[in-house]
C-alpha atoms as a PDB file:
ATOM      1  CA  MET A   1       6.341   3.387  16.491  1.00  0.00           C
ATOM      2  CA  LEU A   2       3.784   4.645  14.074  1.00  0.00           C
ATOM      3  CA  ARG A   3       5.700   7.848  13.663  1.00  0.00           C
ATOM      4  CA  LYS A   4       8.977   6.072  13.084  1.00  0.00           C
ATOM      5  CA  ILE A   5       7.582   4.039  10.131  1.00  0.00           C
ATOM      6  CA  ILE A   6       5.784   6.952   8.724  1.00  0.00           C
ATOM      7  CA  ILE A   7       9.189   8.842   8.718  1.00  0.00           C
ATOM      8  CA  ILE A   8      11.145   5.931   7.184  1.00  0.00           C
ATOM      9  CA  ILE A   9       8.431   5.613   4.663  1.00  0.00           C
ATOM     10  CA  SER A  10       8.713   9.413   3.843  1.00  0.00           C
ATOM     11  CA  ALA A  11      12.307   9.187   3.551  1.00  0.00           C
ATOM     12  CA  LEU A  12      12.379   6.412   1.079  1.00  0.00           C
ATOM     13  CA  LEU A  13       9.820   8.042  -1.406  1.00  0.00           C
ATOM     14  CA  PRO A  14      12.502  10.041  -3.457  1.00  0.00           C
ATOM     15  CA  ILE A  15      14.537   6.807  -3.801  1.00  0.00           C
ATOM     16  CA  SER A  16      11.608   4.705  -4.903  1.00  0.00           C
ATOM     17  CA  ASN A  17      10.283   7.033  -7.437  1.00  0.00           C
ATOM     18  CA  VAL A  18      13.024   5.607 -10.022  1.00  0.00           C
ATOM     19  CA  PHE A  19      11.019   2.416 -10.000  1.00  0.00           C
ATOM     20  CA  ALA A  20       7.494   3.468  -9.027  1.00  0.00           C
ATOM     21  CA  SER A  21       4.444   4.700 -10.851  1.00  0.00           C
ATOM     22  CA  GLY A  22       2.810   6.030  -7.746  1.00  0.00           C
ATOM     23  CA  ALA A  23       2.383   5.895  -4.199  1.00  0.00           C
ATOM     24  CA  ASP A  24      -0.620   6.109  -1.900  1.00  0.00           C
ATOM     25  CA  LEU A  25      -0.570   7.313   1.699  1.00  0.00           C
ATOM     26  CA  ARG A  26      -3.614   6.985   4.103  1.00  0.00           C
ATOM     27  CA  LEU A  27      -3.618   8.453   7.539  1.00  0.00           C
ATOM     28  CA  GLY A  28      -6.666   7.872   9.932  1.00  0.00           C
ATOM     29  CA  LYS A  29      -6.953   8.503  13.687  1.00  0.00           C
ATOM     30  CA  ASP A  30      -5.901   4.844  14.726  1.00  0.00           C
ATOM     31  CA  ALA A  31      -4.210   3.461  11.339  1.00  0.00           C
ATOM     32  CA  ALA A  32      -1.857   4.298   8.578  1.00  0.00           C
ATOM     33  CA  GLU A  33      -1.154   2.627   5.271  1.00  0.00           C
ATOM     34  CA  PHE A  34       1.421   3.073   2.486  1.00  0.00           C
ATOM     35  CA  VAL A  35       1.027   1.588  -0.931  1.00  0.00           C
ATOM     36  CA  TYR A  36       3.618   1.574  -3.799  1.00  0.00           C
ATOM     37  CA  LEU A  37       1.925   1.522  -6.838  1.00  0.00           C
ATOM     38  CA  THR A  38       3.125   0.264 -10.201  1.00  0.00           C
ATOM     39  CA  GLU A  39       1.710  -0.960 -13.810  1.00  0.00           C
ATOM     40  CA  SER A  40       2.053  -3.903 -15.897  1.00  0.00           C
ATOM     41  CA  ALA A  41       1.175  -4.162 -19.668  1.00  0.00           C
ATOM     42  CA  THR A  42       1.245  -7.912 -19.659  1.00  0.00           C
ATOM     43  CA  PHE A  43      -2.413  -8.337 -18.239  1.00  0.00           C
ATOM     44  CA  GLY A  44      -5.036  -8.125 -20.950  1.00  0.00           C
ATOM     45  CA  TYR A  45      -6.196  -5.222 -22.887  1.00  0.00           C
ATOM     46  CA  GLY A  46      -5.192  -2.011 -20.861  1.00  0.00           C
ATOM     47  CA  GLY A  47      -2.683  -3.763 -18.293  1.00  0.00           C
ATOM     48  CA  ALA A  48      -3.248  -3.969 -14.764  1.00  0.00           C
ATOM     49  CA  ASP A  49      -2.511  -1.659 -11.572  1.00  0.00           C
ATOM     50  CA  MET A  50      -0.319  -3.350  -8.911  1.00  0.00           C
ATOM     51  CA  GLY A  51       0.195  -2.425  -5.361  1.00  0.00           C
ATOM     52  CA  PHE A  52       2.443  -3.408  -2.446  1.00  0.00           C
ATOM     53  CA  GLY A  53       1.493  -1.941   0.883  1.00  0.00           C
ATOM     54  CA  LEU A  54       1.913  -2.103   4.760  1.00  0.00           C
ATOM     55  CA  PHE A  55      -1.064  -1.231   6.939  1.00  0.00           C
ATOM     56  CA  LEU A  56      -0.530  -0.590  10.739  1.00  0.00           C
ATOM     57  CA  ASN A  57      -2.721   0.487  13.377  1.00  0.00           C
ATOM     58  CA  ASP A  58      -2.069   1.742  16.976  1.00  0.00           C
ATOM     59  CA  ASP A  59      -2.688  -1.806  18.530  1.00  0.00           C
ATOM     60  CA  ASP A  60       0.527  -2.749  16.992  1.00  0.00           C
ATOM     61  CA  SER A  61      -1.019  -4.880  14.211  1.00  0.00           C
ATOM     62  CA  TYR A  62       0.977  -5.123  10.919  1.00  0.00           C
ATOM     63  CA  ILE A  63      -0.471  -6.337   7.422  1.00  0.00           C
ATOM     64  CA  GLY A  64       1.342  -6.572   4.317  1.00  0.00           C
ATOM     65  CA  THR A  65      -0.580  -6.498   1.166  1.00  0.00           C
ATOM     66  CA  ALA A  66      -0.043  -7.257  -2.676  1.00  0.00           C
ATOM     67  CA  SER A  67      -2.779  -6.552  -5.160  1.00  0.00           C
ATOM     68  CA  ILE A  68      -3.462  -6.606  -8.766  1.00  0.00           C
ATOM     69  CA  LEU A  69      -6.561  -4.889 -10.134  1.00  0.00           C
ATOM     70  CA  VAL A  70      -7.437  -5.042 -13.968  1.00  0.00           C
ATOM     71  CA  SER A  71      -9.800  -1.971 -14.813  1.00  0.00           C
ATOM     72  CA  GLY A  72     -11.432  -0.304 -17.428  1.00  0.00           C
ATOM     73  CA  SER A  73     -14.486   1.806 -18.597  1.00  0.00           C
ATOM     74  CA  GLY A  74     -17.592   0.793 -20.251  1.00  0.00           C
ATOM     75  CA  ASP A  75     -18.377   1.656 -23.817  1.00  0.00           C
ATOM     76  CA  GLY A  76     -22.025   3.099 -22.792  1.00  0.00           C
ATOM     77  CA  ASP A  77     -22.973   6.742 -22.286  1.00  0.00           C
ATOM     78  CA  VAL A  78     -21.531   6.979 -18.873  1.00  0.00           C
ATOM     79  CA  ARG A  79     -17.771   7.583 -19.762  1.00  0.00           C
ATOM     80  CA  GLY A  80     -16.769   8.542 -16.127  1.00  0.00           C
ATOM     81  CA  LEU A  81     -17.679   5.125 -14.649  1.00  0.00           C
ATOM     82  CA  HIS A  82     -14.792   2.861 -14.270  1.00  0.00           C
ATOM     83  CA  PHE A  83     -14.759  -0.846 -13.200  1.00  0.00           C
ATOM     84  CA  GLY A  84     -11.978  -2.925 -11.838  1.00  0.00           C
ATOM     85  CA  VAL A  85     -11.635  -6.690 -10.607  1.00  0.00           C
ATOM     86  CA  GLY A  86      -8.574  -8.482  -9.233  1.00  0.00           C
ATOM     87  CA  GLY A  87      -7.006 -10.183  -6.173  1.00  0.00           C
ATOM     88  CA  LYS A  88      -5.294  -9.049  -2.986  1.00  0.00           C
ATOM     89  CA  LEU A  89      -2.959 -10.998  -0.784  1.00  0.00           C
ATOM     90  CA  TYR A  90      -2.841 -10.128   2.943  1.00  0.00           C
ATOM     91  CA  THR A  91      -0.418 -11.313   5.579  1.00  0.00           C
ATOM     92  CA  GLY A  92       0.755 -10.126   8.928  1.00  0.00           C
ATOM     93  CA  ILE A  93       0.387 -10.009  12.511  1.00  0.00           C
ATOM     94  CA  VAL A  94      -2.848  -9.078  14.742  1.00  0.00           C
ATOM     95  CA  ASP A  95      -1.946  -7.894  18.113  1.00  0.00           C
ATOM     96  CA  LEU A  96      -4.668  -9.061  20.706  1.00  0.00           C
ATOM     97  CA  PRO A  97      -5.081  -8.002  24.224  1.00  0.00           C
ATOM     98  CA  SER A  98      -3.530 -10.254  27.021  1.00  0.00           C
ATOM     99  CA  PRO A  99      -3.476 -12.997  27.877  1.00  0.00           C
ATOM    100  CA  ILE A 100      -4.165 -14.058  24.229  1.00  0.00           C
ATOM    101  CA  ASP A 101      -0.997 -14.545  21.945  1.00  0.00           C
ATOM    102  CA  ASN A 102      -0.563 -12.484  18.861  1.00  0.00           C
ATOM    103  CA  GLN A 103      -2.055 -14.137  15.812  1.00  0.00           C
ATOM    104  CA  THR A 104      -0.244 -14.337  12.622  1.00  0.00           C
ATOM    105  CA  GLY A 105      -1.783 -15.296   9.154  1.00  0.00           C
ATOM    106  CA  GLY A 106      -2.791 -14.233   5.689  1.00  0.00           C
ATOM    107  CA  ALA A 107      -5.592 -14.481   3.123  1.00  0.00           C
ATOM    108  CA  VAL A 108      -5.959 -14.456  -0.549  1.00  0.00           C
ATOM    109  CA  ALA A 109      -8.955 -12.176  -1.418  1.00  0.00           C
ATOM    110  CA  ILE A 110     -10.934 -11.281  -4.695  1.00  0.00           C
ATOM    111  CA  GLY A 111     -12.673  -7.959  -4.935  1.00  0.00           C
ATOM    112  CA  GLY A 112     -13.592  -5.164  -7.160  1.00  0.00           C
ATOM    113  CA  GLN A 113     -13.516  -1.359  -7.428  1.00  0.00           C
ATOM    114  CA  LEU A 114     -16.196   0.990  -8.790  1.00  0.00           C
ATOM    115  CA  ARG A 115     -15.157   4.541  -9.580  1.00  0.00           C
ATOM    116  CA  TYR A 116     -17.108   7.257 -11.094  1.00  0.00           C
ATOM    117  CA  VAL A 117     -15.479  10.562 -12.141  1.00  0.00           C
ATOM    118  CA  PHE A 118     -17.961  13.604 -12.069  1.00  0.00           C
ATOM    119  CA  PRO A 119     -17.619  15.937 -15.002  1.00  0.00           C
ATOM    120  CA  GLY A 120     -16.434  19.472 -14.401  1.00  0.00           C
ATOM    121  CA  SER A 121     -13.422  21.624 -14.501  1.00  0.00           C
ATOM    122  CA  THR A 122     -12.071  20.279 -10.994  1.00  0.00           C
ATOM    123  CA  PRO A 123     -12.484  16.587 -11.468  1.00  0.00           C
ATOM    124  CA  PHE A 124     -14.091  14.934  -8.282  1.00  0.00           C
ATOM    125  CA  ALA A 125     -14.495  10.925  -8.168  1.00  0.00           C
ATOM    126  CA  PHE A 126     -16.318   8.647  -5.951  1.00  0.00           C
ATOM    127  CA  LEU A 127     -14.839   5.444  -5.177  1.00  0.00           C
ATOM    128  CA  VAL A 128     -16.047   2.085  -3.659  1.00  0.00           C
ATOM    129  CA  GLU A 129     -13.716  -1.003  -3.338  1.00  0.00           C
ATOM    130  CA  ALA A 130     -14.458  -4.361  -1.507  1.00  0.00           C
ATOM    131  CA  PHE A 131     -12.289  -7.512  -0.981  1.00  0.00           C
ATOM    132  CA  TYR A 132     -13.258 -10.628   0.425  1.00  0.00           C
ATOM    133  CA  ALA A 133     -11.210 -13.966   1.459  1.00  0.00           C
ATOM    134  CA  PRO A 134     -13.327 -17.025   2.865  1.00  0.00           C
ATOM    135  CA  ASP A 135     -11.944 -19.499   5.167  1.00  0.00           C
ATOM    136  CA  VAL A 136     -10.672 -21.657   2.067  1.00  0.00           C
ATOM    137  CA  THR A 137      -8.333 -18.969   1.115  1.00  0.00           C
ATOM    138  CA  SER A 138      -7.087 -18.014   4.556  1.00  0.00           C
ATOM    139  CA  PHE A 139      -4.102 -19.653   6.351  1.00  0.00           C
ATOM    140  CA  SER A 140      -2.588 -20.028   9.528  1.00  0.00           C
ATOM    141  CA  ASP A 141      -4.511 -18.039  12.374  1.00  0.00           C
ATOM    142  CA  PHE A 142      -6.744 -16.026   9.915  1.00  0.00           C
ATOM    143  CA  LYS A 143      -9.886 -17.777   8.966  1.00  0.00           C
ATOM    144  CA  GLY A 144     -11.365 -14.998   6.828  1.00  0.00           C
ATOM    145  CA  LEU A 145     -11.011 -11.363   5.788  1.00  0.00           C
ATOM    146  CA  THR A 146     -13.267  -8.584   4.651  1.00  0.00           C
ATOM    147  CA  GLU A 147     -12.088  -5.058   3.526  1.00  0.00           C
ATOM    148  CA  ILE A 148     -14.389  -2.327   2.257  1.00  0.00           C
ATOM    149  CA  ARG A 149     -13.472   1.144   1.352  1.00  0.00           C
ATOM    150  CA  VAL A 150     -15.152   4.079   0.071  1.00  0.00           C
ATOM    151  CA  ALA A 151     -13.663   7.479  -0.694  1.00  0.00           C
ATOM    152  CA  LEU A 152     -14.173  11.047  -2.212  1.00  0.00           C
ATOM    153  CA  GLU A 153     -11.335  11.993  -4.351  1.00  0.00           C
ATOM    154  CA  MET A 154     -10.280  15.536  -5.854  1.00  0.00           C
ATOM    155  CA  GLU A 155      -7.689  15.898  -8.377  1.00  0.00           C
ATOM    156  CA  ILE A 156      -5.316  18.427  -7.189  1.00  0.00           C
ATOM    157  CA  THR A 157      -2.767  18.383 -10.317  1.00  0.00           C
ATOM    158  CA  PRO A 158      -2.721  15.677 -13.092  1.00  0.00           C
ATOM    159  CA  SER A 159      -0.201  13.592 -10.968  1.00  0.00           C
ATOM    160  CA  ALA A 160      -1.842  14.112  -7.615  1.00  0.00           C
ATOM    161  CA  ARG A 161      -5.095  13.282  -5.875  1.00  0.00           C
ATOM    162  CA  ALA A 162      -6.318  14.049  -2.328  1.00  0.00           C
ATOM    163  CA  TYR A 163      -9.168  12.111  -0.909  1.00  0.00           C
ATOM    164  CA  ILE A 164     -11.295  11.455   2.215  1.00  0.00           C
ATOM    165  CA  GLY A 165     -12.739   8.273   3.032  1.00  0.00           C
ATOM    166  CA  TRP A 166     -13.646   5.432   5.288  1.00  0.00           C
ATOM    167  CA  ARG A 167     -12.400   1.836   5.486  1.00  0.00           C
ATOM    168  CA  SER A 168     -13.536  -1.466   7.435  1.00  0.00           C
ATOM    169  CA  LEU A 169     -10.860  -4.070   7.689  1.00  0.00           C
ATOM    170  CA  GLU A 170     -12.019  -6.954   9.581  1.00  0.00           C
ATOM    171  CA  VAL A 171     -10.081 -10.307  10.154  1.00  0.00           C
ATOM    172  CA  GLU A 172     -11.976 -13.474  11.348  1.00  0.00           C
ATOM    173  CA  MET A 173      -9.636 -15.428  13.715  1.00  0.00           C
ATOM    174  CA  SER A 174      -9.135 -19.152  14.308  1.00  0.00           C
ATOM    175  CA  GLY A 175      -7.745 -21.212  17.057  1.00  0.00           C
ATOM    176  CA  GLY A 176      -7.551 -20.594  20.832  1.00  0.00           C
ATOM    177  CA  LEU A 177      -9.552 -18.073  22.624  1.00  0.00           C
ATOM    178  CA  VAL A 178     -10.484 -16.183  19.501  1.00  0.00           C
ATOM    179  CA  ASP A 179     -11.754 -18.979  17.314  1.00  0.00           C
ATOM    180  CA  GLY A 180     -14.327 -17.493  15.082  1.00  0.00           C
ATOM    181  CA  ASP A 181     -14.054 -13.894  16.479  1.00  0.00           C
ATOM    182  CA  ASP A 182     -13.762 -10.983  14.209  1.00  0.00           C
ATOM    183  CA  VAL A 183     -11.078  -8.451  14.938  1.00  0.00           C
ATOM    184  CA  GLU A 184     -11.493  -5.105  13.646  1.00  0.00           C
ATOM    185  CA  LEU A 185      -8.256  -3.741  12.405  1.00  0.00           C
ATOM    186  CA  ASP A 186      -9.686  -0.472  11.068  1.00  0.00           C
ATOM    187  CA  ASP A 187     -13.171   0.960  11.077  1.00  0.00           C
ATOM    188  CA  LYS A 188     -12.621   4.713  10.913  1.00  0.00           C
ATOM    189  CA  GLY A 189     -12.294   7.603   8.418  1.00  0.00           C
ATOM    190  CA  HIS A 190      -9.047   8.661   6.788  1.00  0.00           C
ATOM    191  CA  ILE A 191      -7.388  11.124   4.678  1.00  0.00           C
ATOM    192  CA  GLY A 192      -5.013  10.443   1.913  1.00  0.00           C
ATOM    193  CA  VAL A 193      -2.962  11.395  -1.189  1.00  0.00           C
ATOM    194  CA  ARG A 194      -2.159   9.420  -4.194  1.00  0.00           C
ATOM    195  CA  PHE A 195       0.782  10.641  -6.391  1.00  0.00           C
ATOM    196  CA  SER A 196       1.733   9.368  -9.892  1.00  0.00           C
ATOM    197  CA  PHE A 197       5.410   9.651 -11.014  1.00  0.00           C
END
C-alpha cells in the first residue's frame, strides 16, 4: 500500500509543479510523508509558507495536514537564524490493533520553527520544529497531538535541499479502550528532499 501511494505521488509531481512552489518528501523505515508547498504574500511582511501534506505509516494510519508558517530572520548579528510561527491542522485515521476499532479525528495545533544556516561555501542548516494541540482544539477521537522534528539540511542546488532528521508524532486518543492513551505514529529517523519550483 505504501509503495502504491508513493508511486502515485511521484507520478503527479510533474503535473503539480505548474501550481506549486515546492514539494517535500520524507521517507523513514516505517513512515512516509509528502508535502505540497506554496506561498502567500497576503500574510504580513514577507508572506507565509503554506503546506498540504499526507503522512502514512506501515500500521495503515493516515494523517492529512494543512499548515501555515510565517517566518523571518532577526535584525541582530546572527543573520543565519530564522524563526517561524504558525498553525497546523491534522485530520485522519489511526489504525489500532484488534479488537480496538480504528480511531478518526483531528486537531488544530500551534507551533514554531527555528532554523540556523551555518555560513560556508556549501550551506548546511539545523532545523527544529514543534507543534502542539491540546484537548480543547482536538476533535472526534483525538484528545491531543504533539509533533517534534529535528533535521540537518544540506543545499544541493539553489532549488533542492537534502536532509536527515528525526520526528516524533504522537496522538492522544479518547473514548473506548484507548481513552487517554498516546499512540505513537512516528518516532524514527528519516531522510528527505525538498524541491522549489
